[in-house]
Protein backbone atom coordinates (compact mmCIF):
# COMPACT_ATOMS: atom_id res chain seq x y z
CA MET A 1 -4.17 20.19 -10.84
CA LYS A 2 -5.65 22.27 -13.63
CA ILE A 3 -8.16 20.95 -16.16
CA VAL A 4 -8.10 23.33 -19.09
CA TYR A 5 -9.90 21.98 -22.15
CA ARG A 6 -13.60 21.78 -22.99
CA MET A 7 -14.54 20.87 -19.44
CA SER A 8 -18.13 22.01 -19.73
CA VAL A 9 -18.76 19.73 -22.73
CA VAL A 10 -17.02 16.80 -21.12
CA LEU A 11 -18.93 17.24 -17.89
CA LEU A 12 -22.15 16.79 -19.81
CA LEU A 13 -20.72 13.78 -21.61
CA SER A 14 -19.51 12.11 -18.44
CA VAL A 15 -22.88 12.54 -16.82
CA VAL A 16 -24.68 10.60 -19.55
CA ILE A 17 -22.23 7.85 -20.50
CA PHE A 18 -23.83 5.39 -18.10
CA SER A 19 -27.24 6.94 -17.56
CA CYS A 20 -29.25 4.87 -20.02
CA SER A 21 -29.13 1.86 -17.70
CA LYS A 22 -30.73 1.22 -14.33
CA GLU A 23 -32.34 4.67 -14.11
CA ASP A 24 -35.08 3.12 -12.02
CA ASN A 25 -32.54 2.20 -9.34
CA THR A 26 -33.55 4.30 -6.35
CA ALA A 27 -31.02 2.97 -3.85
CA PRO A 28 -29.67 5.83 -1.73
CA GLU A 29 -26.19 7.17 -2.44
CA ASN A 30 -23.72 7.59 0.39
CA THR A 31 -20.25 9.13 0.50
CA ASP A 32 -19.22 7.42 3.75
CA VAL A 33 -16.87 4.55 2.89
CA ASN A 34 -17.77 2.88 6.18
CA SER A 35 -21.44 2.63 5.22
CA GLU A 36 -23.11 -0.76 4.90
CA LEU A 37 -24.03 0.34 1.38
CA LEU A 38 -20.41 -0.14 0.39
CA LEU A 39 -19.96 -3.72 1.58
CA ILE A 40 -18.34 -5.79 -1.16
CA ASP A 41 -20.75 -7.50 -3.51
CA LYS A 42 -18.47 -9.80 -5.48
CA ALA A 43 -21.26 -10.70 -7.89
CA THR A 44 -21.50 -7.13 -9.19
CA VAL A 45 -17.84 -6.07 -9.15
CA ARG A 46 -16.39 -6.03 -12.64
CA ALA A 47 -12.72 -6.70 -13.35
CA PRO A 48 -10.80 -3.41 -13.13
CA GLU A 49 -8.80 -4.17 -16.25
CA ASN A 50 -12.02 -3.53 -18.19
CA ALA A 51 -11.75 0.17 -17.40
CA PHE A 52 -9.12 1.09 -20.01
CA ASP A 53 -10.68 -1.10 -22.69
CA SER A 54 -14.04 0.55 -22.00
CA PHE A 55 -12.42 3.98 -22.10
CA LYS A 56 -10.88 3.21 -25.50
CA SER A 57 -14.21 1.97 -26.84
CA VAL A 58 -16.02 5.13 -25.73
CA GLN A 59 -13.15 7.25 -27.07
CA SER A 60 -13.42 5.50 -30.44
CA GLU A 61 -17.18 6.01 -30.50
CA ILE A 62 -16.75 9.75 -29.91
CA GLU A 63 -13.97 10.07 -32.48
CA THR A 64 -16.07 8.25 -35.07
CA LYS A 65 -19.44 9.85 -34.45
CA GLY A 66 -18.48 13.08 -32.69
CA VAL A 67 -19.64 14.47 -29.36
CA PRO A 68 -23.41 13.87 -29.20
CA SER A 69 -25.77 16.82 -29.29
CA PHE A 70 -27.63 17.70 -26.12
CA PRO A 71 -30.08 16.79 -24.79
CA MET A 72 -29.06 13.32 -25.85
CA SER A 73 -31.50 10.89 -27.40
CA ARG A 74 -32.09 7.43 -26.00
CA GLY A 75 -30.22 6.07 -29.01
CA ASP A 76 -27.13 8.14 -28.16
CA PHE A 77 -27.37 6.99 -24.53
CA SER A 78 -27.50 3.37 -25.60
CA ALA A 79 -24.63 3.72 -28.07
CA LEU A 80 -22.21 5.14 -25.48
CA TYR A 81 -23.24 2.77 -22.73
CA GLY A 82 -22.95 -0.15 -25.10
CA ALA A 83 -19.54 1.05 -26.28
CA ALA A 84 -18.40 1.05 -22.66
CA GLY A 85 -19.36 -2.61 -22.38
CA ASN A 86 -22.09 -2.01 -19.78
CA PRO A 87 -19.56 -1.88 -16.92
CA GLY A 88 -20.57 -2.17 -13.28
CA SER A 89 -23.85 -0.87 -11.91
CA LEU A 90 -23.35 2.88 -12.05
CA THR A 91 -26.58 4.91 -12.08
CA ALA A 92 -27.26 8.28 -13.65
CA LYS A 93 -27.36 9.85 -10.19
CA SER A 94 -23.98 8.47 -9.15
CA ALA A 95 -22.45 9.41 -12.53
CA ASN A 96 -23.66 12.97 -11.93
CA MET A 97 -22.08 12.96 -8.50
CA ILE A 98 -18.74 11.63 -9.77
CA ALA A 99 -18.62 14.24 -12.53
CA ASP A 100 -19.49 17.00 -10.06
CA GLN A 101 -16.74 15.88 -7.68
CA LEU A 102 -14.19 15.80 -10.51
CA MET A 103 -14.97 19.48 -10.97
CA VAL A 104 -14.15 19.97 -7.28
CA VAL A 105 -10.85 18.16 -7.87
CA GLU A 106 -10.12 20.74 -10.57
CA GLU A 107 -10.85 23.56 -8.14
CA VAL A 108 -8.97 22.39 -5.05
CA GLY A 109 -6.29 20.07 -6.48
CA PHE A 110 -5.97 16.29 -6.48
CA GLU A 111 -3.98 15.92 -3.26
CA THR A 112 -6.15 18.36 -1.29
CA TYR A 113 -9.30 16.63 -2.46
CA ILE A 114 -8.14 13.15 -1.47
CA LEU A 115 -6.74 14.27 1.88
CA ASP A 116 -9.53 16.60 2.97
CA ARG A 117 -12.68 15.46 1.17
CA THR A 118 -12.63 11.67 1.31
CA LYS A 119 -13.16 9.45 4.34
CA TYR A 120 -10.62 6.81 3.45
CA SER A 121 -7.96 5.79 5.99
CA ASP A 122 -4.73 7.78 6.07
CA PHE A 123 -2.84 4.91 4.44
CA ALA A 124 -5.42 4.59 1.66
CA LYS A 125 -5.33 8.34 0.98
CA GLU A 126 -1.53 8.35 0.77
CA ALA A 127 -1.57 5.28 -1.48
CA ILE A 128 -4.10 6.86 -3.88
CA ILE A 129 -1.96 9.99 -4.18
CA LYS A 130 1.19 7.91 -4.71
CA ILE A 131 -0.49 5.81 -7.41
CA ALA A 132 -1.57 8.97 -9.22
CA ALA A 133 1.93 10.43 -8.97
CA GLU A 134 4.04 7.35 -9.73
CA GLY A 135 1.73 4.93 -11.53
CA TYR A 136 1.34 1.25 -10.67
CA LEU A 137 2.84 0.25 -7.30
CA PRO A 138 3.91 -3.43 -7.37
CA GLU A 139 4.73 -3.27 -3.67
CA LEU A 140 1.32 -1.93 -2.65
CA THR A 141 0.03 -5.07 -0.93
CA GLU A 142 3.25 -5.99 0.88
CA SER A 143 3.08 -3.64 3.87
CA GLU A 144 1.59 -4.28 7.30
CA GLU A 145 -0.47 -1.11 6.87
CA PHE A 146 -2.17 -2.57 3.79
CA ALA A 147 -2.90 -5.83 5.62
CA SER A 148 -4.62 -3.89 8.39
CA LEU A 149 -7.06 -2.13 6.03
CA SER A 150 -10.69 -3.13 5.71
CA GLU A 151 -11.51 -5.56 2.90
CA PHE A 152 -13.25 -2.72 1.07
CA GLU A 153 -10.16 -0.48 1.06
CA GLN A 154 -7.86 -3.36 0.14
CA VAL A 155 -9.93 -4.23 -2.92
CA LEU A 156 -10.43 -0.57 -3.84
CA LEU A 157 -6.68 0.14 -3.75
CA LYS A 158 -5.95 -2.96 -5.83
CA ASP A 159 -8.53 -1.81 -8.38
CA ILE A 160 -7.16 1.74 -8.50
CA ASN A 161 -3.62 0.39 -8.82
CA GLN A 162 -4.70 -1.86 -11.71
CA ILE A 163 -6.59 0.97 -13.42
CA SER A 164 -3.49 3.16 -13.18
CA LYS A 165 -1.32 0.39 -14.65
CA ASP A 166 -3.69 -0.25 -17.54
CA PHE A 167 -4.10 3.44 -18.38
CA ASN A 168 -0.38 4.17 -18.13
CA GLU A 169 0.57 1.18 -20.26
CA GLY A 170 -2.19 1.89 -22.73
CA LEU A 171 -1.28 5.55 -23.10
CA GLY A 172 2.46 4.90 -23.36
CA ARG A 173 5.31 7.03 -22.07
CA SER A 174 4.76 9.62 -24.80
CA ALA A 175 1.66 10.75 -22.92
CA PHE A 176 3.86 11.79 -20.01
CA THR A 177 6.30 13.83 -22.09
CA ALA A 178 3.89 15.47 -24.53
CA LYS A 179 3.81 19.26 -24.55
CA SER A 180 0.04 19.13 -24.16
CA VAL A 181 0.22 17.68 -20.62
CA ASN A 182 -2.21 19.85 -18.64
CA CYS A 183 -2.45 18.28 -15.18
CA THR A 184 -0.08 18.09 -12.24
CA ILE A 185 0.28 15.75 -9.29
CA ASN A 186 2.64 16.54 -6.43
CA GLY A 187 3.71 19.56 -8.48
CA GLN A 188 4.83 17.48 -11.46
CA PRO A 189 3.24 17.39 -14.94
CA ALA A 190 1.03 14.39 -15.61
CA PRO A 191 -1.36 13.35 -18.37
CA CYS A 192 -4.89 14.20 -17.30
CA THR A 193 -6.24 11.00 -18.87
CA ALA A 194 -4.40 8.73 -16.42
CA THR A 195 -4.52 11.11 -13.46
CA LEU A 196 -8.26 11.69 -13.66
CA ALA A 197 -8.90 7.98 -14.19
CA VAL A 198 -7.34 7.45 -10.75
CA ALA A 199 -9.30 10.39 -9.32
CA GLY A 200 -12.56 9.14 -10.81
CA ALA A 201 -12.00 5.64 -9.42
CA ALA A 202 -11.32 7.00 -5.93
CA ILE A 203 -14.38 9.25 -6.09
CA GLY A 204 -16.60 6.50 -7.47
CA GLY A 205 -15.56 4.15 -4.68
CA ALA A 206 -16.38 6.78 -2.06
CA ILE A 207 -19.78 7.58 -3.54
CA CYS A 208 -21.28 4.17 -4.22
CA GLY A 209 -18.77 1.36 -3.78
CA LEU A 210 -16.53 -0.86 -5.85
CA PRO A 211 -18.63 -1.14 -9.04
CA CYS A 212 -18.72 2.67 -9.15
CA ALA A 213 -14.94 2.80 -8.79
CA ILE A 214 -14.58 1.08 -12.15
CA GLY A 215 -17.15 3.35 -13.79
CA GLY A 216 -15.58 6.39 -12.13
CA GLY A 217 -12.23 5.47 -13.63
CA ILE A 218 -13.78 5.43 -17.11
CA ILE A 219 -15.53 8.78 -16.54
CA GLY A 220 -12.31 10.31 -15.22
CA GLY A 221 -10.37 8.95 -18.18
CA ILE A 222 -12.81 10.49 -20.68
CA ILE A 223 -12.73 13.86 -18.92
CA GLY A 224 -8.93 13.68 -18.77
CA TRP A 225 -8.72 12.79 -22.46
CA PHE A 226 -10.56 15.98 -23.37
CA ALA A 227 -8.41 17.96 -20.92
CA ASP A 228 -5.32 16.56 -22.69
CA GLY A 229 -6.66 17.88 -25.99
CA GLY A 230 -8.62 14.89 -27.23
CA GLY A 231 -11.79 15.16 -29.25
CA LYS A 232 -10.67 18.24 -31.20
């Protein structure tokens, strides 16, 4: 996968989208998906279908007001976080980590990153790659392999699958045939907006659990939108 457009600016943007909230949260971050830190907290998990709506709201805010100047003011922080609908419980630290890891995805490729740099089960890794390559998988939950996953991975894969569906439907098929497509998955062209939304969700889930998966999908979508030529 190659991210080619205004990545340095978008990296800064992605870092600050959620950072105006909960900055006093000092809970440790952990990239081990088997950690007790990642046990499901159903009270804090936001519906995954909010991810595309939040992405569109942040996109609209940027298109209307432009990319904020840096360092950003508290008012700019609040405007972007509010536009996103205050999703999940992502902290500034975890947003930084997700953005940093998306840069690693750009360097090593989506498939290599998921296979070699995440601690998900083999089935979960293969499912994440397939979702990124093919879009929503209606048959995802029907296999014995899915039934044998931990509750965390089952919910994470459902969320990633839903995020992919919402982004793909929201973007429309024209996004997959546009000449400006700049990313690849399994060697095939793909819109960065949808592909990096999936990548961001997978990375967010690995870093700080299910609420971060939703936020990671939004961050990935914004980075992908710029990579696809948005924000010009």
